[in-house]
Amino acid sequence: MQFSIDLISDLNINKESFDWIGKPTSLFCLVAGNVSSDRTILLETLQHLGRQYKQVFFIDGPQDMRHEIINLKESYKELEMYIPNLENIVYGNNQVVMLNNVAIVLVNGWWSYDFDNNIDIEQVEQLLIDEWKIDRQSMLKLACYAYSDTKYLENTIRKLQSHKDVKEIIIVSSTVPLINLISHDIELASSTKMNLMGSSMITSCLSFDTEQKVKTWCFGYYPHAIDEIIDGIRFVSNPRSGHIDVYYPKIIRALS
């Protein structure tokens, strides 16, 4: 039996209206982060999406935390307090969602600052400090979140191997999991901004997928759509960025 899930991400809504009525093509939706840096707009948009689907699975992205980034611990607490009150919305921060025999594992991913190890890490760190207006201590804490998200994924994928009811795994990260997915981008190549696109650590979890249950890895953050199969896994994104007027969900099919 097969079912489908709509994939969307990087809505990056500021003040413009967002109308998803009539757009769904599935009963379920994955939101791979970066809905809005405005917390009120973020919650209102999730509430709107919840009215269009039977269930929406949301993971935060860096842009969703932009104005709260100096105190991420409290920001996560706030989302965990408010999102459960929204109808049909599941906040997937460090938890596994089961849909029939499919396990959906969601993490932000954050940045390891060494996505491209040819780029000087100190330059990347300074770029983040300047553009996001944060201090060095906050910048270092973000790397800790990248590490903890990686360890969570490793432990979760390992544990799911022994669950007989789990036939398939979908991983959802907000940030980009593999640099070779976006290394073709001449605007990013050799740019310090490349190292603020993803984490070099996050795909280590695939070494624990001994039963080859991971079939799909959904992600966001990069402004252009990606749909590639690498080593039997479909890496796919569907950002709204650059498609504000004409934007539709990407269908993710899963076996159960």
Protein backbone atom coordinates (compact mmCIF):
# COMPACT_ATOMS: atom_id res chain seq x y z
CA MET A 1 0.00 0.00 0.00
CA GLN A 2 1.31 3.43 -0.94
CA PHE A 3 0.48 6.86 0.38
CA SER A 4 1.76 10.34 -0.39
CA ILE A 5 2.93 13.37 1.57
CA ASP A 6 3.24 16.96 0.32
CA LEU A 7 6.66 18.55 0.85
CA ILE A 8 7.05 22.31 1.26
CA SER A 9 9.69 24.52 2.86
CA ASP A 10 11.26 27.96 2.99
CA LEU A 11 8.03 29.90 2.77
CA ASN A 12 9.95 32.79 4.38
CA ILE A 13 6.80 34.82 4.88
CA ASN A 14 7.28 38.40 6.01
CA LYS A 15 4.15 40.47 5.70
CA GLU A 16 2.63 39.09 2.50
CA SER A 17 -0.46 36.92 2.74
CA PHE A 18 -0.12 33.16 2.34
CA ASP A 19 -3.04 31.18 0.98
CA TRP A 20 -2.74 27.38 0.65
CA ILE A 21 -6.42 26.69 0.04
CA GLY A 22 -6.82 24.30 -2.88
CA LYS A 23 -3.08 23.55 -3.08
CA PRO A 24 -2.81 20.23 -1.15
CA THR A 25 -2.38 17.06 -3.19
CA SER A 26 -2.12 14.71 -0.20
CA LEU A 27 -3.66 14.20 3.22
CA PHE A 28 -0.34 14.87 4.93
CA CYS A 29 2.30 17.58 4.69
CA LEU A 30 5.98 17.90 5.61
CA VAL A 31 7.23 21.42 6.33
CA ALA A 32 11.04 21.40 6.22
CA GLY A 33 11.58 24.66 8.07
CA ASN A 34 11.95 28.38 7.49
CA VAL A 35 8.30 29.43 7.53
CA SER A 36 8.89 32.89 8.99
CA SER A 37 11.33 34.72 11.23
CA ASP A 38 8.28 36.41 12.80
CA ARG A 39 7.00 34.08 15.52
CA THR A 40 3.38 35.26 15.21
CA ILE A 41 3.36 34.76 11.43
CA LEU A 42 4.98 31.33 11.88
CA LEU A 43 2.21 30.13 14.20
CA GLU A 44 -0.56 31.68 12.08
CA THR A 45 0.82 30.00 8.94
CA LEU A 46 1.04 26.62 10.63
CA GLN A 47 -2.54 27.08 11.84
CA HIS A 48 -3.61 27.82 8.25
CA LEU A 49 -1.78 24.74 6.93
CA GLY A 50 -3.39 22.62 9.64
CA ARG A 51 -6.80 23.48 8.21
CA GLN A 52 -5.76 22.17 4.78
CA TYR A 53 -4.38 18.77 5.81
CA LYS A 54 -5.25 15.82 7.98
CA GLN A 55 -1.82 16.26 9.59
CA VAL A 56 1.16 18.57 9.14
CA PHE A 57 4.64 17.57 10.34
CA PHE A 58 6.79 20.64 10.99
CA ILE A 59 10.45 21.06 11.83
CA ASP A 60 11.92 24.47 12.55
CA GLY A 61 14.63 25.97 10.36
CA PRO A 62 17.31 28.55 11.22
CA GLN A 63 15.18 31.39 9.84
CA ASP A 64 12.32 30.42 12.16
CA MET A 65 14.73 31.03 15.04
CA ARG A 66 16.43 34.13 13.69
CA HIS A 67 15.11 36.67 16.20
CA GLU A 68 15.40 34.22 19.09
CA ILE A 69 18.75 32.76 18.14
CA ILE A 70 20.64 34.12 21.15
CA ASN A 71 18.38 32.06 23.40
CA LEU A 72 17.52 28.92 21.47
CA LYS A 73 16.64 26.92 24.56
CA GLU A 74 13.80 29.28 25.43
CA SER A 75 12.77 29.54 21.78
CA TYR A 76 12.36 25.77 21.54
CA LYS A 77 10.37 25.76 24.76
CA GLU A 78 8.03 28.39 23.32
CA LEU A 79 7.41 26.39 20.14
CA GLU A 80 6.84 23.22 22.17
CA MET A 81 4.29 25.12 24.26
CA TYR A 82 2.29 26.78 21.47
CA ILE A 83 2.40 24.37 18.51
CA PRO A 84 0.56 21.48 20.26
CA ASN A 85 -2.42 23.82 20.59
CA LEU A 86 -2.65 24.15 16.80
CA GLU A 87 -5.04 21.72 15.15
CA ASN A 88 -3.44 18.97 13.04
CA ILE A 89 0.12 20.26 13.57
CA VAL A 90 2.87 17.98 14.85
CA TYR A 91 6.13 19.62 15.91
CA GLY A 92 8.83 17.10 15.07
CA ASN A 93 11.72 18.48 17.10
CA ASN A 94 13.68 15.42 18.23
CA GLN A 95 10.83 12.99 17.92
CA VAL A 96 9.79 10.23 15.56
CA VAL A 97 6.41 10.39 13.84
CA MET A 98 4.86 7.09 12.77
CA LEU A 99 2.61 7.05 9.73
CA ASN A 100 1.47 3.50 9.10
CA ASN A 101 4.76 1.58 8.72
CA VAL A 102 6.80 4.66 7.87
CA ALA A 103 8.92 6.46 10.47
CA ILE A 104 9.42 10.18 9.86
CA VAL A 105 12.47 11.57 11.67
CA LEU A 106 12.76 15.37 11.79
CA VAL A 107 15.67 17.61 12.83
CA ASN A 108 16.77 21.15 12.10
CA GLY A 109 20.36 20.10 11.39
CA TRP A 110 21.95 23.52 11.86
CA TRP A 111 25.49 24.22 10.62
CA SER A 112 28.84 22.62 11.39
CA TYR A 113 30.70 25.57 9.75
CA ASP A 114 32.86 23.12 7.78
CA PHE A 115 30.41 22.03 5.07
CA ASP A 116 33.20 22.80 2.59
CA ASN A 117 36.42 22.01 4.44
CA ASN A 118 38.40 24.14 1.99
CA ILE A 119 36.81 27.29 3.42
CA ASP A 120 38.31 28.95 6.47
CA ILE A 121 36.01 28.29 9.44
CA GLU A 122 36.90 31.54 11.16
CA GLN A 123 35.63 33.51 8.16
CA VAL A 124 32.37 31.57 8.26
CA GLU A 125 31.95 32.20 11.97
CA GLN A 126 32.59 35.93 11.48
CA LEU A 127 30.07 36.06 8.63
CA LEU A 128 27.43 34.54 10.89
CA ILE A 129 28.25 36.96 13.71
CA ASP A 130 27.98 39.94 11.34
CA GLU A 131 24.87 38.91 9.39
CA TRP A 132 22.85 37.47 12.28
CA LYS A 133 24.00 40.07 14.82
CA ILE A 134 24.99 37.53 17.45
CA ASP A 135 27.95 37.23 19.80
CA ARG A 136 30.65 34.58 19.60
CA GLN A 137 29.21 32.54 22.46
CA SER A 138 25.85 32.23 20.69
CA MET A 139 27.62 31.29 17.49
CA LEU A 140 29.47 28.46 19.23
CA LYS A 141 26.22 27.19 20.77
CA LEU A 142 24.77 26.73 17.27
CA ALA A 143 27.56 24.28 16.46
CA CYS A 144 26.56 22.36 19.58
CA TYR A 145 23.02 22.08 18.23
CA ALA A 146 24.41 20.73 14.95
CA TYR A 147 26.29 18.11 16.94
CA SER A 148 23.29 17.15 19.11
CA ASP A 149 21.01 16.89 16.05
CA THR A 150 23.57 14.58 14.44
CA LYS A 151 23.78 12.37 17.54
CA TYR A 152 19.98 12.27 17.79
CA LEU A 153 19.75 11.10 14.18
CA GLU A 154 22.43 8.46 14.67
CA ASN A 155 20.75 7.02 17.76
CA THR A 156 17.28 7.14 16.21
CA ILE A 157 18.21 5.50 12.92
CA ARG A 158 20.10 2.80 14.81
CA LYS A 159 17.14 2.04 17.09
CA LEU A 160 14.65 1.96 14.21
CA GLN A 161 16.57 -0.88 12.54
CA SER A 162 15.25 -3.37 15.09
CA HIS A 163 11.61 -2.19 14.92
CA LYS A 164 9.82 -4.73 12.75
CA ASP A 165 6.85 -2.42 12.22
CA VAL A 166 9.10 0.19 10.60
CA LYS A 167 9.44 -0.70 6.93
CA GLU A 168 10.66 2.67 5.71
CA ILE A 169 12.28 5.81 7.10
CA ILE A 170 11.93 9.38 5.86
CA ILE A 171 14.45 11.85 7.26
CA VAL A 172 13.55 15.54 7.22
CA SER A 173 16.17 18.19 7.96
CA SER A 174 15.82 21.91 7.50
CA THR A 175 19.41 22.39 6.35
CA VAL A 176 21.19 20.68 3.44
CA PRO A 177 22.56 17.20 4.27
CA LEU A 178 25.18 16.80 1.50
CA ILE A 179 27.41 19.45 -0.06
CA ASN A 180 27.47 17.70 -3.43
CA LEU A 181 23.75 18.41 -3.75
CA ILE A 182 24.53 22.11 -4.12
CA SER A 183 28.23 22.21 -5.08
CA HIS A 184 27.24 22.97 -8.68
CA ASP A 185 26.00 26.42 -7.61
CA ILE A 186 28.63 28.86 -8.88
CA GLU A 187 27.35 31.60 -6.58
CA LEU A 188 28.03 29.44 -3.53
CA ALA A 189 31.14 27.59 -4.67
CA SER A 190 34.17 28.71 -2.65
CA SER A 191 31.96 31.22 -0.84
CA THR A 192 31.86 31.43 2.95
CA LYS A 193 28.06 31.27 2.64
CA MET A 194 28.39 27.66 1.48
CA ASN A 195 29.31 26.67 5.02
CA LEU A 196 26.06 28.16 6.34
CA MET A 197 23.98 25.84 4.17
CA GLY A 198 24.33 22.56 6.03
CA SER A 199 26.24 20.23 8.29
CA SER A 200 29.09 17.95 7.34
CA MET A 201 28.17 15.60 10.22
CA ILE A 202 24.50 14.93 9.69
CA THR A 203 24.68 12.12 7.10
CA SER A 204 26.79 10.03 9.48
CA CYS A 205 23.46 8.57 10.62
CA LEU A 206 23.24 6.62 7.35
CA SER A 207 26.05 4.32 8.50
CA PHE A 208 23.58 3.02 11.11
CA ASP A 209 20.95 2.20 8.46
CA THR A 210 22.03 -1.43 8.26
CA GLU A 211 18.62 -2.62 7.05
CA GLN A 212 18.49 0.10 4.36
CA LYS A 213 15.21 1.50 5.64
CA VAL A 214 16.04 5.14 4.81
CA LYS A 215 14.46 5.74 1.40
CA THR A 216 13.98 9.51 1.35
CA TRP A 217 15.75 12.55 2.82
CA CYS A 218 13.75 15.77 2.57
CA PHE A 219 15.41 19.11 3.28
CA GLY A 220 15.12 22.84 2.83
CA TYR A 221 17.19 26.01 3.17
CA TYR A 222 18.74 25.93 -0.33
CA PRO A 223 16.62 28.24 -2.54
CA HIS A 224 16.44 25.91 -5.56
CA ALA A 225 14.60 22.60 -5.86
CA ILE A 226 16.62 19.39 -5.72
CA ASP A 227 15.53 15.84 -6.55
CA GLU A 228 18.37 13.33 -6.80
CA ILE A 229 18.94 9.69 -5.93
CA ILE A 230 22.30 9.02 -4.27
CA ASP A 231 23.22 5.51 -3.09
CA GLY A 232 19.58 4.47 -3.33
CA ILE A 233 18.22 7.38 -1.26
CA ARG A 234 16.07 10.13 -2.73
CA PHE A 235 17.30 13.56 -1.63
CA VAL A 236 14.55 16.05 -2.35
CA SER A 237 13.67 19.65 -1.57
CA ASN A 238 10.88 21.99 -2.59
CA PRO A 239 11.59 25.56 -1.43
CA ARG A 240 9.15 28.37 -2.05
CA SER A 241 12.05 30.81 -2.37
CA GLY A 242 11.98 32.26 -5.88
CA HIS A 243 8.49 30.87 -6.55
CA ILE A 244 6.33 33.20 -4.49
CA ASP A 245 3.59 33.61 -7.12
CA VAL A 246 3.51 30.05 -8.48
CA TYR A 247 4.35 27.44 -5.89
CA TYR A 248 3.01 23.93 -5.41
CA PRO A 249 3.79 21.00 -3.12
CA LYS A 250 6.21 18.25 -4.09
CA ILE A 251 4.78 14.76 -3.70
CA ILE A 252 6.71 12.28 -1.57
CA ARG A 253 5.48 8.72 -1.98
CA ALA A 254 6.05 6.12 0.70
CA LEU A 255 5.34 2.41 0.99
CA SER A 256 3.57 1.04 4.05
